[in-house]
C-alpha atoms as a PDB file:
ATOM      1  CA  MET A   1     -21.996 -10.505   3.628  1.00  0.00           C
ATOM      2  CA  THR A   2     -19.329  -8.261   5.087  1.00  0.00           C
ATOM      3  CA  ASP A   3     -19.893  -5.234   7.309  1.00  0.00           C
ATOM      4  CA  ILE A   4     -16.558  -3.804   6.200  1.00  0.00           C
ATOM      5  CA  TRP A   5     -17.772  -0.975   4.033  1.00  0.00           C
ATOM      6  CA  PHE A   6     -14.984   1.590   3.653  1.00  0.00           C
ATOM      7  CA  ARG A   7     -11.774   1.456   5.674  1.00  0.00           C
ATOM      8  CA  THR A   8      -8.580   3.348   4.983  1.00  0.00           C
ATOM      9  CA  GLY A   9      -5.049   3.065   6.266  1.00  0.00           C
ATOM     10  CA  GLU A  10      -1.510   4.102   5.526  1.00  0.00           C
ATOM     11  CA  ALA A  11       1.975   3.463   6.818  1.00  0.00           C
ATOM     12  CA  THR A  12       5.542   4.533   6.175  1.00  0.00           C
ATOM     13  CA  VAL A  13       8.700   2.478   6.514  1.00  0.00           C
ATOM     14  CA  LEU A  14      11.791   4.520   5.716  1.00  0.00           C
ATOM     15  CA  ALA A  15      14.816   3.363   3.773  1.00  0.00           C
ATOM     16  CA  SER A  16      18.158   2.764   5.394  1.00  0.00           C
ATOM     17  CA  GLU A  17      20.942   5.303   4.873  1.00  0.00           C
ATOM     18  CA  GLY A  18      21.864   5.640   1.196  1.00  0.00           C
ATOM     19  CA  GLN A  19      18.892   3.662  -0.145  1.00  0.00           C
ATOM     20  CA  VAL A  20      15.722   4.867  -1.912  1.00  0.00           C
ATOM     21  CA  THR A  21      13.489   2.060  -0.669  1.00  0.00           C
ATOM     22  CA  ASP A  22      10.945   4.050   1.348  1.00  0.00           C
ATOM     23  CA  ALA A  23       7.547   2.360   1.398  1.00  0.00           C
ATOM     24  CA  MET A  24       4.346   4.361   1.888  1.00  0.00           C
ATOM     25  CA  PRO A  25       1.274   2.355   0.877  1.00  0.00           C
ATOM     26  CA  GLU A  26      -2.178   3.858   1.221  1.00  0.00           C
ATOM     27  CA  VAL A  27      -4.993   1.330   1.271  1.00  0.00           C
ATOM     28  CA  LEU A  28      -8.755   1.266   0.847  1.00  0.00           C
ATOM     29  CA  ILE A  29     -10.567  -1.871   2.024  1.00  0.00           C
ATOM     30  CA  GLY A  30     -14.273  -2.449   1.538  1.00  0.00           C
ATOM     31  CA  SER A  31     -17.159  -4.529   0.287  1.00  0.00           C
ATOM     32  CA  VAL A  32     -17.218  -5.417  -3.403  1.00  0.00           C
ATOM     33  CA  LYS A  33     -20.865  -4.245  -3.290  1.00  0.00           C
ATOM     34  CA  GLY A  34     -20.078  -0.789  -1.879  1.00  0.00           C
ATOM     35  CA  PRO A  35     -18.110   2.299  -2.864  1.00  0.00           C
ATOM     36  CA  ALA A  36     -14.772   0.460  -2.572  1.00  0.00           C
ATOM     37  CA  GLY A  37     -16.035  -2.142  -5.038  1.00  0.00           C
ATOM     38  CA  GLN A  38     -17.201   0.561  -7.419  1.00  0.00           C
ATOM     39  CA  ALA A  39     -13.833   2.310  -7.218  1.00  0.00           C
ATOM     40  CA  PHE A  40     -12.072  -1.033  -7.748  1.00  0.00           C
ATOM     41  CA  ALA A  41     -14.111  -1.787 -10.878  1.00  0.00           C
ATOM     42  CA  SER A  42     -13.488   1.702 -12.262  1.00  0.00           C
ATOM     43  CA  MET A  43      -9.733   1.055 -12.089  1.00  0.00           C
ATOM     44  CA  MET A  44      -9.911  -1.752 -14.672  1.00  0.00           C
ATOM     45  CA  GLY A  45      -8.536   0.542 -17.391  1.00  0.00           C
ATOM     46  CA  GLN A  46      -5.038   1.964 -17.656  1.00  0.00           C
ATOM     47  CA  VAL A  47      -3.790   5.503 -17.169  1.00  0.00           C
ATOM     48  CA  VAL A  48      -0.573   6.642 -18.846  1.00  0.00           C
ATOM     49  CA  GLY A  49       2.277   6.633 -16.339  1.00  0.00           C
ATOM     50  CA  HIS A  50       0.242   5.009 -13.547  1.00  0.00           C
ATOM     51  CA  THR A  51      -0.104   1.323 -14.374  1.00  0.00           C
ATOM     52  CA  ARG A  52      -2.848  -0.501 -12.530  1.00  0.00           C
ATOM     53  CA  MET A  53      -2.473  -4.188 -11.819  1.00  0.00           C
ATOM     54  CA  TYR A  54      -3.916  -6.929  -9.696  1.00  0.00           C
ATOM     55  CA  VAL A  55      -1.690  -7.881  -6.813  1.00  0.00           C
ATOM     56  CA  VAL A  56      -0.265 -11.337  -7.363  1.00  0.00           C
ATOM     57  CA  ARG A  57       2.247 -13.202  -5.253  1.00  0.00           C
ATOM     58  CA  ASP A  58       3.575 -14.994  -8.341  1.00  0.00           C
ATOM     59  CA  LEU A  59       2.228 -16.249 -11.625  1.00  0.00           C
ATOM     60  CA  ASN A  60      -1.311 -17.561 -11.191  1.00  0.00           C
ATOM     61  CA  GLN A  61      -1.361 -16.543  -7.506  1.00  0.00           C
ATOM     62  CA  MET A  62      -3.682 -13.511  -7.277  1.00  0.00           C
ATOM     63  CA  VAL A  63      -4.280 -12.582  -3.653  1.00  0.00           C
ATOM     64  CA  ARG A  64      -7.594 -12.536  -1.840  1.00  0.00           C
ATOM     65  CA  PRO A  65      -9.192 -10.152  -1.165  1.00  0.00           C
ATOM     66  CA  ALA A  66      -8.793  -9.091  -4.791  1.00  0.00           C
ATOM     67  CA  THR A  67      -6.428  -6.134  -4.712  1.00  0.00           C
ATOM     68  CA  MET A  68      -5.602  -3.525  -7.331  1.00  0.00           C
ATOM     69  CA  MET A  69      -2.396  -1.516  -6.998  1.00  0.00           C
ATOM     70  CA  THR A  70      -1.197   1.619  -8.719  1.00  0.00           C
ATOM     71  CA  THR A  71       1.643   4.065  -8.238  1.00  0.00           C
ATOM     72  CA  LYS A  72       1.766   7.504  -6.681  1.00  0.00           C
ATOM     73  CA  ALA A  73       4.742   8.444  -8.884  1.00  0.00           C
ATOM     74  CA  THR A  74       4.750   8.434 -12.674  1.00  0.00           C
ATOM     75  CA  ILE A  75       6.295   5.369 -14.261  1.00  0.00           C
ATOM     76  CA  THR A  76       9.014   6.403 -16.694  1.00  0.00           C
ATOM     77  CA  ASN A  77      11.050   3.320 -17.624  1.00  0.00           C
ATOM     78  CA  GLU A  78      11.211  -0.465 -17.814  1.00  0.00           C
ATOM     79  CA  THR A  79      13.397  -0.917 -14.730  1.00  0.00           C
ATOM     80  CA  TYR A  80      10.800   0.912 -12.639  1.00  0.00           C
ATOM     81  CA  VAL A  81       8.028  -1.262 -14.101  1.00  0.00           C
ATOM     82  CA  ASN A  82       9.986  -4.441 -13.358  1.00  0.00           C
ATOM     83  CA  LEU A  83      10.620  -3.449  -9.729  1.00  0.00           C
ATOM     84  CA  LEU A  84       6.993  -2.419  -9.252  1.00  0.00           C
ATOM     85  CA  GLY A  85       5.578  -5.547 -10.871  1.00  0.00           C
ATOM     86  CA  GLY A  86       8.206  -7.779  -9.283  1.00  0.00           C
ATOM     87  CA  VAL A  87       9.715  -7.086  -5.882  1.00  0.00           C
ATOM     88  CA  VAL A  88       7.115  -4.564  -4.706  1.00  0.00           C
ATOM     89  CA  GLN A  89       4.094  -6.491  -5.982  1.00  0.00           C
ATOM     90  CA  ALA A  90       5.378  -9.682  -4.330  1.00  0.00           C
ATOM     91  CA  ALA A  91       5.882  -7.858  -1.020  1.00  0.00           C
ATOM     92  CA  ILE A  92       2.385  -6.376  -1.129  1.00  0.00           C
ATOM     93  CA  GLY A  93       0.868  -9.753  -2.025  1.00  0.00           C
ATOM     94  CA  ASP A  94       2.735 -11.616   0.703  1.00  0.00           C
ATOM     95  CA  ALA A  95       1.711  -8.996   3.274  1.00  0.00           C
ATOM     96  CA  ILE A  96      -1.958  -9.277   2.302  1.00  0.00           C
ATOM     97  CA  LEU A  97      -1.892 -13.067   2.532  1.00  0.00           C
ATOM     98  CA  ASP A  98      -0.162 -12.891   5.915  1.00  0.00           C
ATOM     99  CA  CYS A  99      -2.838 -10.424   7.086  1.00  0.00           C
ATOM    100  CA  VAL A 100      -5.423 -13.106   6.295  1.00  0.00           C
ATOM    101  CA  ILE A 101      -3.359 -15.847   7.962  1.00  0.00           C
ATOM    102  CA  GLU A 102      -2.919 -13.697  11.101  1.00  0.00           C
ATOM    103  CA  GLY A 103      -6.598 -12.717  11.272  1.00  0.00           C
ATOM    104  CA  ILE A 104      -6.046  -9.027  10.505  1.00  0.00           C
ATOM    105  CA  LEU A 105      -8.291  -9.549   7.468  1.00  0.00           C
ATOM    106  CA  PRO A 106     -11.214 -11.957   7.978  1.00  0.00           C
ATOM    107  CA  LYS A 107     -10.594 -15.186   6.029  1.00  0.00           C
ATOM    108  CA  ASP A 108     -14.299 -15.948   5.679  1.00  0.00           C
ATOM    109  CA  GLU A 109     -14.908 -12.574   3.960  1.00  0.00           C
ATOM    110  CA  VAL A 110     -12.058 -12.402   1.436  1.00  0.00           C
ATOM    111  CA  ASP A 111     -14.350 -12.956  -1.558  1.00  0.00           C
ATOM    112  CA  ASP A 112     -16.702 -10.199  -0.372  1.00  0.00           C
ATOM    113  CA  LEU A 113     -13.908  -7.630   0.017  1.00  0.00           C
ATOM    114  CA  CYS A 114     -11.625  -5.764  -2.336  1.00  0.00           C
ATOM    115  CA  MET A 115      -8.655  -3.512  -1.777  1.00  0.00           C
ATOM    116  CA  ILE A 116      -7.034  -0.630  -3.626  1.00  0.00           C
ATOM    117  CA  VAL A 117      -3.414   0.150  -2.802  1.00  0.00           C
ATOM    118  CA  MET A 118      -1.512   3.242  -3.877  1.00  0.00           C
ATOM    119  CA  ILE A 119       2.201   2.501  -3.829  1.00  0.00           C
ATOM    120  CA  TRP A 120       5.124   4.872  -3.404  1.00  0.00           C
ATOM    121  CA  LEU A 121       8.099   3.658  -5.397  1.00  0.00           C
ATOM    122  CA  ASP A 122      10.791   6.306  -5.571  1.00  0.00           C
ATOM    123  CA  PRO A 123      11.555   7.136  -9.226  1.00  0.00           C
ATOM    124  CA  ARG A 124      15.274   6.957  -8.387  1.00  0.00           C
ATOM    125  CA  VAL A 125      15.075   3.164  -7.871  1.00  0.00           C
ATOM    126  CA  SER A 126      15.671   2.666 -11.579  1.00  0.00           C
ATOM    127  CA  GLU A 127      18.870   4.734 -11.456  1.00  0.00           C
ATOM    128  CA  ARG A 128      20.537   2.856  -8.592  1.00  0.00           C
ATOM    129  CA  ASP A 129      23.004   0.074  -9.355  1.00  0.00           C
ATOM    130  CA  ASP A 130      23.349  -0.538  -5.601  1.00  0.00           C
ATOM    131  CA  LEU A 131      19.611  -0.806  -4.920  1.00  0.00           C
ATOM    132  CA  ASP A 132      18.956  -3.225  -2.065  1.00  0.00           C
ATOM    133  CA  GLN A 133      16.032  -5.186  -3.489  1.00  0.00           C
ATOM    134  CA  ALA A 134      15.716  -7.257  -0.305  1.00  0.00           C
ATOM    135  CA  GLU A 135      15.209  -4.021   1.643  1.00  0.00           C
ATOM    136  CA  LEU A 136      12.727  -2.816  -0.980  1.00  0.00           C
ATOM    137  CA  TYR A 137      10.746  -6.028  -0.380  1.00  0.00           C
ATOM    138  CA  ARG A 138      10.987  -5.827   3.436  1.00  0.00           C
ATOM    139  CA  ASN A 139       9.964  -2.184   3.617  1.00  0.00           C
ATOM    140  CA  ASN A 140       6.945  -2.663   1.366  1.00  0.00           C
ATOM    141  CA  TYR A 141       5.929  -5.860   3.179  1.00  0.00           C
ATOM    142  CA  GLU A 142       6.126  -4.240   6.621  1.00  0.00           C
ATOM    143  CA  ALA A 143       4.417  -1.023   5.538  1.00  0.00           C
ATOM    144  CA  MET A 144       1.582  -2.890   3.824  1.00  0.00           C
ATOM    145  CA  LYS A 145       0.874  -5.080   6.864  1.00  0.00           C
ATOM    146  CA  LEU A 146       0.848  -1.981   9.052  1.00  0.00           C
ATOM    147  CA  ALA A 147      -1.418  -0.044   6.648  1.00  0.00           C
ATOM    148  CA  VAL A 148      -3.935  -2.909   6.509  1.00  0.00           C
ATOM    149  CA  SER A 149      -3.866  -3.307  10.290  1.00  0.00           C
ATOM    150  CA  ARG A 150      -4.426   0.416  10.788  1.00  0.00           C
ATOM    151  CA  ALA A 151      -7.305   0.390   8.309  1.00  0.00           C
ATOM    152  CA  MET A 152      -9.002  -2.503  10.059  1.00  0.00           C
ATOM    153  CA  LYS A 153      -8.512  -0.938  13.518  1.00  0.00           C
ATOM    154  CA  GLY A 154      -9.404   2.626  12.470  1.00  0.00           C
ATOM    155  CA  GLU A 155      -6.002   3.968  13.486  1.00  0.00           C
ATOM    156  CA  PRO A 156      -5.006   6.546  14.298  1.00  0.00           C
ATOM    157  CA  THR A 157      -8.218   7.355  16.136  1.00  0.00           C
ATOM    158  CA  ILE A 158      -9.537  10.886  16.158  1.00  0.00           C
ATOM    159  CA  ASP A 159      -8.700  11.085  19.869  1.00  0.00           C
ATOM    160  CA  GLU A 160      -5.053  10.205  19.118  1.00  0.00           C
ATOM    161  CA  LEU A 161      -4.943  12.837  16.378  1.00  0.00           C
ATOM    162  CA  ILE A 162      -6.401  15.487  18.662  1.00  0.00           C
ATOM    163  CA  ALA A 163      -4.028  14.552  21.503  1.00  0.00           C
ATOM    164  CA  ASN A 164      -0.918  14.875  19.320  1.00  0.00           C
ATOM    165  CA  ARG A 165      -2.049  17.886  17.258  1.00  0.00           C
ATOM    166  CA  LYS A 166       0.648  20.152  18.676  1.00  0.00           C
ATOM    167  CA  SER A 167       3.394  17.557  19.138  1.00  0.00           C
ATOM    168  CA  VAL A 168       3.356  15.905  15.683  1.00  0.00           C
ATOM    169  CA  LYS A 169       3.865  17.802  12.471  1.00  0.00           C
ATOM    170  CA  HIS A 170       4.549  16.845   8.878  1.00  0.00           C
ATOM    171  CA  TYR A 171       8.286  16.365   8.278  1.00  0.00           C
ATOM    172  CA  ALA A 172       8.214  18.811   5.355  1.00  0.00           C
ATOM    173  CA  LEU A 173       7.220  21.608   7.745  1.00  0.00           C
ATOM    174  CA  ASP A 174      10.307  21.293   9.956  1.00  0.00           C
ATOM    175  CA  GLY A 175      11.606  24.827  10.432  1.00  0.00           C
ATOM    176  CA  ILE A 176       8.921  26.322   8.176  1.00  0.00           C
ATOM    177  CA  VAL A 177       5.907  26.489  10.454  1.00  0.00           C
ATOM    178  CA  GLU A 178       5.917  27.132  14.196  1.00  0.00           C
ATOM    179  CA  TYR A 179       3.413  25.203  16.286  1.00  0.00           C
END
């Protein structure tokens, strides 16, 4: 039985100039017998505009630990669905498997754990003829590995947050709030 009860992590990998391929996964990792497992099971239904799906690497290749993903933005068209359930899902799945291979997630506990991932996929991806799908994959892959690693390590620590309280601020506050 796992002692991983409820761990959270997030990461951001920004798009290159002119692309809308930012990746910002937020992840919950925990025991299938705890609150993470209960939340996972409660996601088995669908919500309009926020499709929930198991993370698979390809057909018949569901990742372990079992992982459910959903979007942070409302799904509005088929192109968005295809990118989410294609390129992005593959990147998330590959990152999870590599986290197991690299020991970030414990291989001997994958059947006792589950994960929930909230995915940022910019709604403008479906409007871009020049969308770099390889970058979309890379950004989501890198961000997911980082989010899982941070969750498992408990990063950032409260001491790090306290130490940088006055030096780090949310990008949306630039020029709005003085520190």
